Amino acid sequence: MERPLPDRLYLDHAATTPMTARAMEAVAAGQGMWANPSSPHAEGRAARAALEAARGEIAAAYGWRGETLLTSGASESLAIALGRSVAARRVISAVEHDAVIRAAGEATVLPVGADGMIDPVSLVLGSGDLVAIQWANSETGVRQPIAAIAEAVHTAGALLLVDAAQMPAGPDLTEHADFIALSAHKRGGPPGIGGLLVRDLATLHPTGGQERGYRPGTENLPAAMGYAAALAEAEPDHAPLRAKLDDAIRRSGGIVVGEGGPRHPAIGSYRMPGVASAAQLIRFDMQGIAVSAGSACASGSLKPSHVLRAMGWSEEATREVVRISFGRTTTVADIDRAIAAWRGIARGARTVAA
């Protein structure tokens, strides 16, 4: 088994973050319960009890009182809600994750402002609509005004699906959303597990099988236990770290993406004028620092970011942006190291240009 590289600094937690120690212990415990939770014998019943306990802990961590369907992750949760909702029309914003764009099909697309935010007053909806909105954008960290959007959606008699893959555990959305898509591996849990919180199962067409008949397939008990254990550990407040990084990058000639609106405290997106994102990634990596260019699902693409383009950025500008994101282990010293690297890369580019 490969060991972590020495002296590396990982600042790509929005893509995935390391499992917590408690999550790994819970997964190991779950792997010792090998029975199928759907089996009627004693071993199966014990596995079922452990699964339902984990399900309850996950729901409680988010303050959710509706149904909690366990899935393979946020992408599947989004596909279930968008593909099997009783709503007749899908409405998404122009800055949604690729998983939403793929699953929504021929959806109506809502524009955003230069700050990356939707104006709830501009929403024109009908009672047959399902509106899909990301709680915090995975590329820019920009947070949408979910409460105001939910009011407009529900006043029209429509349904609201929130992509909360990047959301820390907490009851922020429980009074607003009809569906919430969740991901464990961005919260210190294992990959391959997530959830779809459903306020009313009558708004979703069933398929038969497990998960109350809404997702067939043997349940992933070890992963569910690991997810529940990860959510029991509080997420630190990263806002001071991001504020420090924002300030230093501004002072170094960089541009902070989406700074005009509320943003996720652990996600920062920055443009280094004159230096391509790909070149920045290589230079950061050579200094032992892992960052990304947008969401992990699209960072290897040569296409300009559809998120930044929707915010009015030129194609050239979109190709000069990187994302830096924090996790439970990120420290002030880590941010100082990232700042020094940023300044060195920017200074080198200016020297070459001169």
Protein backbone atom coordinates (compact mmCIF):
# COMPACT_ATOMS: atom_id res chain seq x y z
CA MET A 1 0.00 0.00 0.00
CA GLU A 2 1.34 3.42 -0.95
CA ARG A 3 2.04 5.85 1.87
CA PRO A 4 1.13 9.56 1.68
CA LEU A 5 3.85 11.60 0.07
CA PRO A 6 6.01 13.47 2.61
CA ASP A 7 5.66 17.23 3.03
CA ARG A 8 2.53 17.35 0.92
CA LEU A 9 -0.21 19.88 1.63
CA TYR A 10 -3.70 18.82 0.56
CA LEU A 11 -6.00 21.76 -0.22
CA ASP A 12 -8.60 20.04 -2.39
CA HIS A 13 -11.08 18.99 0.28
CA ALA A 14 -14.09 20.09 -1.80
CA ALA A 15 -13.23 17.25 -4.19
CA THR A 16 -12.95 14.72 -1.38
CA THR A 17 -11.66 14.91 2.16
CA PRO A 18 -9.88 12.22 4.21
CA MET A 19 -12.03 9.87 6.25
CA THR A 20 -12.07 10.63 9.95
CA ALA A 21 -10.65 8.08 12.39
CA ARG A 22 -14.11 7.41 13.81
CA ALA A 23 -15.51 6.86 10.31
CA MET A 24 -12.78 4.33 9.52
CA GLU A 25 -13.45 2.51 12.78
CA ALA A 26 -17.16 2.39 12.01
CA VAL A 27 -16.55 1.04 8.50
CA ALA A 28 -14.33 -1.69 9.95
CA ALA A 29 -17.05 -2.59 12.44
CA GLY A 30 -19.60 -2.73 9.63
CA GLN A 31 -17.39 -5.01 7.60
CA GLY A 32 -17.56 -7.47 10.46
CA MET A 33 -21.36 -7.62 10.03
CA TRP A 34 -21.38 -9.54 6.75
CA ALA A 35 -25.08 -10.47 6.60
CA ASN A 36 -27.50 -8.94 4.11
CA PRO A 37 -29.77 -6.45 5.93
CA SER A 38 -32.71 -7.79 3.92
CA SER A 39 -32.25 -11.36 5.16
CA PRO A 40 -34.83 -12.58 7.72
CA HIS A 41 -32.45 -14.62 9.90
CA ALA A 42 -30.80 -13.36 13.10
CA GLU A 43 -27.64 -12.18 11.34
CA GLY A 44 -29.69 -10.29 8.77
CA ARG A 45 -31.84 -8.72 11.47
CA ALA A 46 -28.73 -7.55 13.32
CA ALA A 47 -27.39 -5.99 10.12
CA ARG A 48 -30.78 -4.33 9.53
CA ALA A 49 -30.79 -2.88 13.02
CA ALA A 50 -27.30 -1.43 12.49
CA LEU A 51 -28.33 0.01 9.11
CA GLU A 52 -31.44 1.67 10.53
CA ALA A 53 -29.43 3.06 13.44
CA ALA A 54 -26.98 4.62 10.97
CA ARG A 55 -29.86 5.95 8.88
CA GLY A 56 -31.36 7.58 11.95
CA GLU A 57 -28.05 9.15 12.94
CA ILE A 58 -27.57 10.58 9.46
CA ALA A 59 -31.06 12.08 9.48
CA ALA A 60 -30.58 13.49 12.97
CA ALA A 61 -27.27 15.12 11.98
CA TYR A 62 -29.13 17.11 9.34
CA GLY A 63 -32.16 17.71 11.56
CA TRP A 64 -34.34 15.81 9.08
CA ARG A 65 -37.73 14.34 10.00
CA GLY A 66 -38.77 13.03 6.59
CA GLU A 67 -37.53 9.94 4.77
CA THR A 68 -33.82 9.22 4.36
CA LEU A 69 -32.88 7.07 1.38
CA LEU A 70 -29.30 5.80 1.32
CA THR A 71 -27.62 5.98 -2.10
CA SER A 72 -24.16 5.64 -3.63
CA GLY A 73 -23.59 9.38 -3.39
CA ALA A 74 -24.90 12.81 -4.33
CA SER A 75 -24.84 12.14 -8.09
CA GLU A 76 -27.18 9.18 -7.75
CA SER A 77 -29.38 11.08 -5.30
CA LEU A 78 -29.72 13.92 -7.80
CA ALA A 79 -30.47 11.48 -10.61
CA ILE A 80 -33.22 9.81 -8.55
CA ALA A 81 -34.90 13.09 -7.64
CA LEU A 82 -34.60 14.61 -11.12
CA GLY A 83 -35.50 11.42 -12.93
CA ARG A 84 -38.32 10.13 -10.76
CA SER A 85 -39.98 13.18 -9.26
CA VAL A 86 -43.69 13.54 -10.04
CA ALA A 87 -43.01 17.08 -11.29
CA ALA A 88 -43.58 17.66 -15.01
CA ARG A 89 -40.84 20.24 -15.66
CA ARG A 90 -37.26 20.51 -14.41
CA VAL A 91 -35.79 23.93 -13.68
CA ILE A 92 -32.09 24.35 -12.86
CA SER A 93 -29.68 27.25 -12.47
CA ALA A 94 -26.93 27.97 -14.98
CA VAL A 95 -24.27 27.18 -12.36
CA GLU A 96 -25.34 23.70 -11.32
CA HIS A 97 -22.96 20.75 -11.05
CA ASP A 98 -22.54 18.57 -14.15
CA ALA A 99 -24.41 15.77 -12.35
CA VAL A 100 -27.53 17.96 -12.29
CA ILE A 101 -27.14 19.07 -15.89
CA ARG A 102 -26.85 15.45 -17.04
CA ALA A 103 -29.81 14.21 -15.01
CA ALA A 104 -32.13 17.15 -15.71
CA GLY A 105 -32.32 16.59 -19.46
CA GLU A 106 -34.24 19.30 -21.33
CA ALA A 107 -34.52 21.57 -18.31
CA THR A 108 -35.35 25.25 -18.12
CA VAL A 109 -32.15 27.09 -17.14
CA LEU A 110 -32.21 30.05 -14.75
CA PRO A 111 -29.57 32.78 -15.19
CA VAL A 112 -27.40 34.08 -12.37
CA GLY A 113 -25.88 37.48 -11.74
CA ALA A 114 -22.22 38.42 -11.81
CA ASP A 115 -22.05 37.32 -8.17
CA GLY A 116 -23.18 33.83 -9.18
CA MET A 117 -26.50 34.11 -7.35
CA ILE A 118 -30.09 33.58 -8.42
CA ASP A 119 -32.57 36.41 -7.91
CA PRO A 120 -35.61 34.74 -6.27
CA VAL A 121 -37.85 37.63 -7.40
CA SER A 122 -37.17 36.71 -11.03
CA LEU A 123 -38.45 33.13 -10.69
CA VAL A 124 -41.46 32.33 -12.87
CA LEU A 125 -42.66 28.88 -11.87
CA GLY A 126 -45.65 26.59 -12.13
CA SER A 127 -47.15 23.92 -9.89
CA GLY A 128 -45.66 21.17 -12.07
CA ASP A 129 -42.04 22.26 -11.61
CA LEU A 130 -39.07 20.76 -9.79
CA VAL A 131 -36.37 23.36 -9.13
CA ALA A 132 -32.81 22.10 -8.52
CA ILE A 133 -30.38 24.46 -6.79
CA GLN A 134 -26.93 23.88 -5.33
CA TRP A 135 -26.56 25.01 -1.69
CA ALA A 136 -22.96 26.08 -2.30
CA ASN A 137 -21.30 26.00 -5.68
CA SER A 138 -18.56 23.39 -5.80
CA GLU A 139 -16.30 25.57 -7.98
CA THR A 140 -16.73 29.05 -6.50
CA GLY A 141 -18.22 28.39 -3.07
CA VAL A 142 -21.02 30.89 -3.78
CA ARG A 143 -24.07 30.12 -1.64
CA GLN A 144 -27.58 30.57 -2.94
CA PRO A 145 -30.38 32.23 -0.90
CA ILE A 146 -32.15 28.92 -0.32
CA ALA A 147 -34.81 30.28 2.08
CA ALA A 148 -35.93 32.99 -0.36
CA ILE A 149 -35.83 30.58 -3.30
CA ALA A 150 -37.85 28.03 -1.35
CA GLU A 151 -40.50 30.65 -0.57
CA ALA A 152 -40.89 31.47 -4.27
CA VAL A 153 -40.89 27.78 -5.24
CA HIS A 154 -43.50 26.75 -2.69
CA THR A 155 -45.69 29.79 -3.33
CA ALA A 156 -45.93 28.56 -6.93
CA GLY A 157 -46.77 25.05 -5.72
CA ALA A 158 -43.50 23.66 -7.06
CA LEU A 159 -40.90 21.38 -5.45
CA LEU A 160 -37.33 22.25 -4.41
CA LEU A 161 -34.33 19.92 -4.75
CA VAL A 162 -31.15 21.14 -3.05
CA ASP A 163 -27.75 19.75 -3.96
CA ALA A 164 -26.11 19.84 -0.53
CA ALA A 165 -23.05 17.73 -1.33
CA GLN A 166 -20.83 20.52 -0.01
CA MET A 167 -23.01 21.36 3.01
CA PRO A 168 -21.76 20.62 6.54
CA ALA A 169 -24.14 18.64 8.72
CA GLY A 170 -26.80 20.82 10.29
CA PRO A 171 -30.49 21.76 10.05
CA ASP A 172 -30.01 24.70 7.65
CA LEU A 173 -32.22 23.25 4.91
CA THR A 174 -34.73 21.11 6.73
CA GLU A 175 -37.54 23.64 6.70
CA HIS A 176 -36.97 24.66 3.09
CA ALA A 177 -36.24 21.73 0.76
CA ASP A 178 -38.42 18.89 -0.51
CA PHE A 179 -35.40 16.84 -1.60
CA ILE A 180 -31.79 17.14 -0.40
CA ALA A 181 -28.89 15.29 -2.06
CA LEU A 182 -26.00 14.40 0.24
CA SER A 183 -22.47 13.04 -0.08
CA ALA A 184 -20.40 11.30 2.61
CA HIS A 185 -16.91 11.63 1.15
CA LYS A 186 -17.00 15.43 1.36
CA ARG A 187 -17.80 15.22 5.08
CA GLY A 188 -15.11 12.82 6.24
CA GLY A 189 -17.09 9.68 5.49
CA PRO A 190 -16.29 6.92 2.99
CA PRO A 191 -16.77 7.27 -0.77
CA GLY A 192 -19.63 5.35 -2.34
CA ILE A 193 -22.34 6.42 0.11
CA GLY A 194 -24.70 9.37 0.23
CA GLY A 195 -28.31 10.11 0.80
CA LEU A 196 -31.49 11.58 -0.60
CA LEU A 197 -33.64 13.26 2.01
CA VAL A 198 -37.27 13.20 0.89
CA ARG A 199 -39.99 15.21 2.60
CA ASP A 200 -42.86 13.23 1.06
CA LEU A 201 -42.34 9.90 -0.73
CA ALA A 202 -45.56 10.54 -2.67
CA THR A 203 -43.57 13.10 -4.74
CA LEU A 204 -41.24 10.35 -5.99
CA HIS A 205 -42.05 7.41 -8.25
CA PRO A 206 -40.89 4.09 -6.69
CA THR A 207 -39.00 1.37 -8.57
CA GLY A 208 -39.28 -1.50 -6.12
CA GLY A 209 -36.50 -3.22 -4.22
CA GLN A 210 -34.67 -1.88 -1.17
CA GLU A 211 -34.71 1.57 0.43
CA ARG A 212 -38.48 1.65 0.93
CA GLY A 213 -38.84 0.52 -2.68
CA TYR A 214 -37.06 3.59 -4.09
CA ARG A 215 -33.56 2.19 -4.73
CA PRO A 216 -32.93 -1.47 -5.55
CA GLY A 217 -29.69 -3.13 -4.49
CA THR A 218 -28.11 -4.57 -1.38
CA GLU A 219 -27.52 -1.83 1.19
CA ASN A 220 -23.94 -0.74 1.91
CA LEU A 221 -23.94 -1.19 5.69
CA PRO A 222 -20.23 -0.47 6.38
CA ALA A 223 -20.35 2.77 4.39
CA ALA A 224 -23.59 3.88 6.06
CA MET A 225 -22.04 3.31 9.48
CA GLY A 226 -18.94 5.26 8.42
CA TYR A 227 -21.05 8.16 7.14
CA ALA A 228 -23.00 8.35 10.40
CA ALA A 229 -19.78 8.31 12.43
CA ALA A 230 -18.23 11.10 10.34
CA LEU A 231 -21.27 13.33 10.80
CA ALA A 232 -20.98 12.97 14.56
CA GLU A 233 -17.70 14.91 14.42
CA ALA A 234 -18.12 18.68 14.25
CA GLU A 235 -16.74 20.58 11.28
CA PRO A 236 -14.45 23.48 12.30
CA ASP A 237 -15.16 27.04 11.20
CA HIS A 238 -12.95 27.67 8.18
CA ALA A 239 -14.08 31.26 7.59
CA PRO A 240 -11.00 32.87 9.21
CA LEU A 241 -8.69 30.75 7.05
CA ARG A 242 -10.49 31.66 3.85
CA ALA A 243 -10.59 35.35 4.83
CA LYS A 244 -6.82 35.27 5.36
CA LEU A 245 -6.26 33.64 1.98
CA ASP A 246 -8.69 36.01 0.23
CA ASP A 247 -6.90 39.05 1.60
CA ALA A 248 -3.43 37.81 0.69
CA ILE A 249 -4.43 36.92 -2.87
CA ARG A 250 -6.06 40.32 -3.40
CA ARG A 251 -2.87 42.00 -2.17
CA SER A 252 -0.85 39.82 -4.54
CA GLY A 253 -2.78 40.91 -7.62
CA GLY A 254 -5.20 37.99 -7.72
CA ILE A 255 -8.98 38.09 -8.08
CA VAL A 256 -11.34 36.46 -5.59
CA VAL A 257 -14.22 34.79 -7.43
CA GLY A 258 -17.72 35.53 -6.15
CA GLU A 259 -16.61 37.78 -3.32
CA GLY A 260 -19.70 39.95 -3.74
CA GLY A 261 -22.00 37.33 -2.22
CA PRO A 262 -22.09 34.78 0.60
CA ARG A 263 -19.68 31.89 0.13
CA HIS A 264 -18.89 28.52 1.62
CA PRO A 265 -16.31 29.13 4.37
CA ALA A 266 -14.12 26.25 3.20
CA ILE A 267 -14.05 26.96 -0.55
CA GLY A 268 -12.11 29.74 -2.26
CA SER A 269 -11.81 30.29 -6.01
CA TYR A 270 -9.11 32.59 -7.36
CA ARG A 271 -7.90 33.98 -10.66
CA MET A 272 -4.20 34.59 -11.27
CA PRO A 273 -4.21 36.89 -14.33
CA GLY A 274 -1.82 35.82 -17.05
CA VAL A 275 -1.21 32.30 -15.70
CA ALA A 276 -3.22 29.36 -17.03
CA SER A 277 -4.94 27.14 -14.49
CA ALA A 278 -3.07 24.09 -15.80
CA ALA A 279 0.27 25.82 -15.27
CA GLN A 280 -0.75 26.89 -11.77
CA LEU A 281 -1.74 23.33 -10.84
CA ILE A 282 1.62 22.01 -12.01
CA ARG A 283 3.57 24.66 -10.11
CA PHE A 284 1.56 24.20 -6.93
CA ASP A 285 2.02 20.45 -7.23
CA MET A 286 5.78 20.83 -7.69
CA GLN A 287 5.80 22.72 -4.38
CA GLY A 288 3.92 19.87 -2.72
CA ILE A 289 0.48 21.53 -2.69
CA ALA A 290 -2.66 19.93 -4.10
CA VAL A 291 -5.30 22.33 -5.42
CA SER A 292 -7.74 22.02 -8.33
CA ALA A 293 -9.20 23.88 -11.28
CA GLY A 294 -12.92 23.83 -10.53
CA SER A 295 -14.86 20.74 -9.49
CA ALA A 296 -13.00 17.43 -9.57
CA CYS A 297 -15.49 16.02 -12.09
CA ALA A 298 -14.57 18.71 -14.64
CA SER A 299 -11.00 19.68 -13.70
CA GLY A 300 -9.49 17.45 -16.40
CA SER A 301 -11.69 18.93 -19.10
CA LEU A 302 -10.39 21.43 -21.65
CA LYS A 303 -13.76 23.19 -21.67
CA PRO A 304 -14.05 26.60 -20.00
CA SER A 305 -16.01 26.53 -16.75
CA HIS A 306 -19.73 26.85 -17.46
CA VAL A 307 -20.11 28.27 -13.95
CA LEU A 308 -17.75 31.18 -14.53
CA ARG A 309 -19.12 31.75 -18.03
CA ALA A 310 -22.63 32.03 -16.56
CA MET A 311 -21.27 34.67 -14.18
CA GLY A 312 -20.12 36.73 -17.16
CA TRP A 313 -16.43 35.79 -17.20
CA SER A 314 -14.58 35.68 -20.51
CA GLU A 315 -13.31 32.32 -21.71
CA GLU A 316 -9.72 33.50 -21.23
CA ALA A 317 -10.39 34.52 -17.63
CA THR A 318 -12.05 31.19 -16.78
CA ARG A 319 -8.84 29.41 -17.77
CA GLU A 320 -6.83 31.27 -15.11
CA VAL A 321 -8.83 30.17 -12.04
CA VAL A 322 -7.98 27.58 -9.40
CA ARG A 323 -9.92 26.37 -6.37
CA ILE A 324 -8.41 26.04 -2.90
CA SER A 325 -10.53 24.25 -0.31
CA PHE A 326 -10.02 23.39 3.35
CA GLY A 327 -10.74 20.43 5.60
CA ARG A 328 -10.68 19.44 9.25
CA THR A 329 -6.87 19.27 9.32
CA THR A 330 -6.14 22.60 7.58
CA THR A 331 -4.17 25.05 9.72
CA VAL A 332 -3.07 28.69 9.60
CA ALA A 333 0.44 27.45 8.76
CA ASP A 334 -1.00 25.61 5.77
CA ILE A 335 -2.61 28.81 4.51
CA ASP A 336 0.67 30.69 4.97
CA ARG A 337 2.37 28.05 2.85
CA ALA A 338 -0.31 28.34 0.16
CA ILE A 339 0.01 32.12 0.15
CA ALA A 340 3.80 31.91 -0.26
CA ALA A 341 3.36 29.49 -3.15
CA TRP A 342 0.75 31.70 -4.81
CA ARG A 343 3.00 34.75 -4.58
CA GLY A 344 5.97 32.82 -5.93
CA ILE A 345 4.01 31.55 -8.94
CA ALA A 346 2.57 35.00 -9.68
CA ARG A 347 5.96 36.66 -9.28
CA GLY A 348 7.56 34.13 -11.61
CA ALA A 349 4.92 34.78 -14.24
CA ARG A 350 5.48 38.53 -14.05
CA THR A 351 9.23 38.04 -14.37
CA VAL A 352 8.80 35.92 -17.51
CA ALA A 353 6.36 38.46 -18.98
CA ALA A 354 8.83 41.30 -18.36
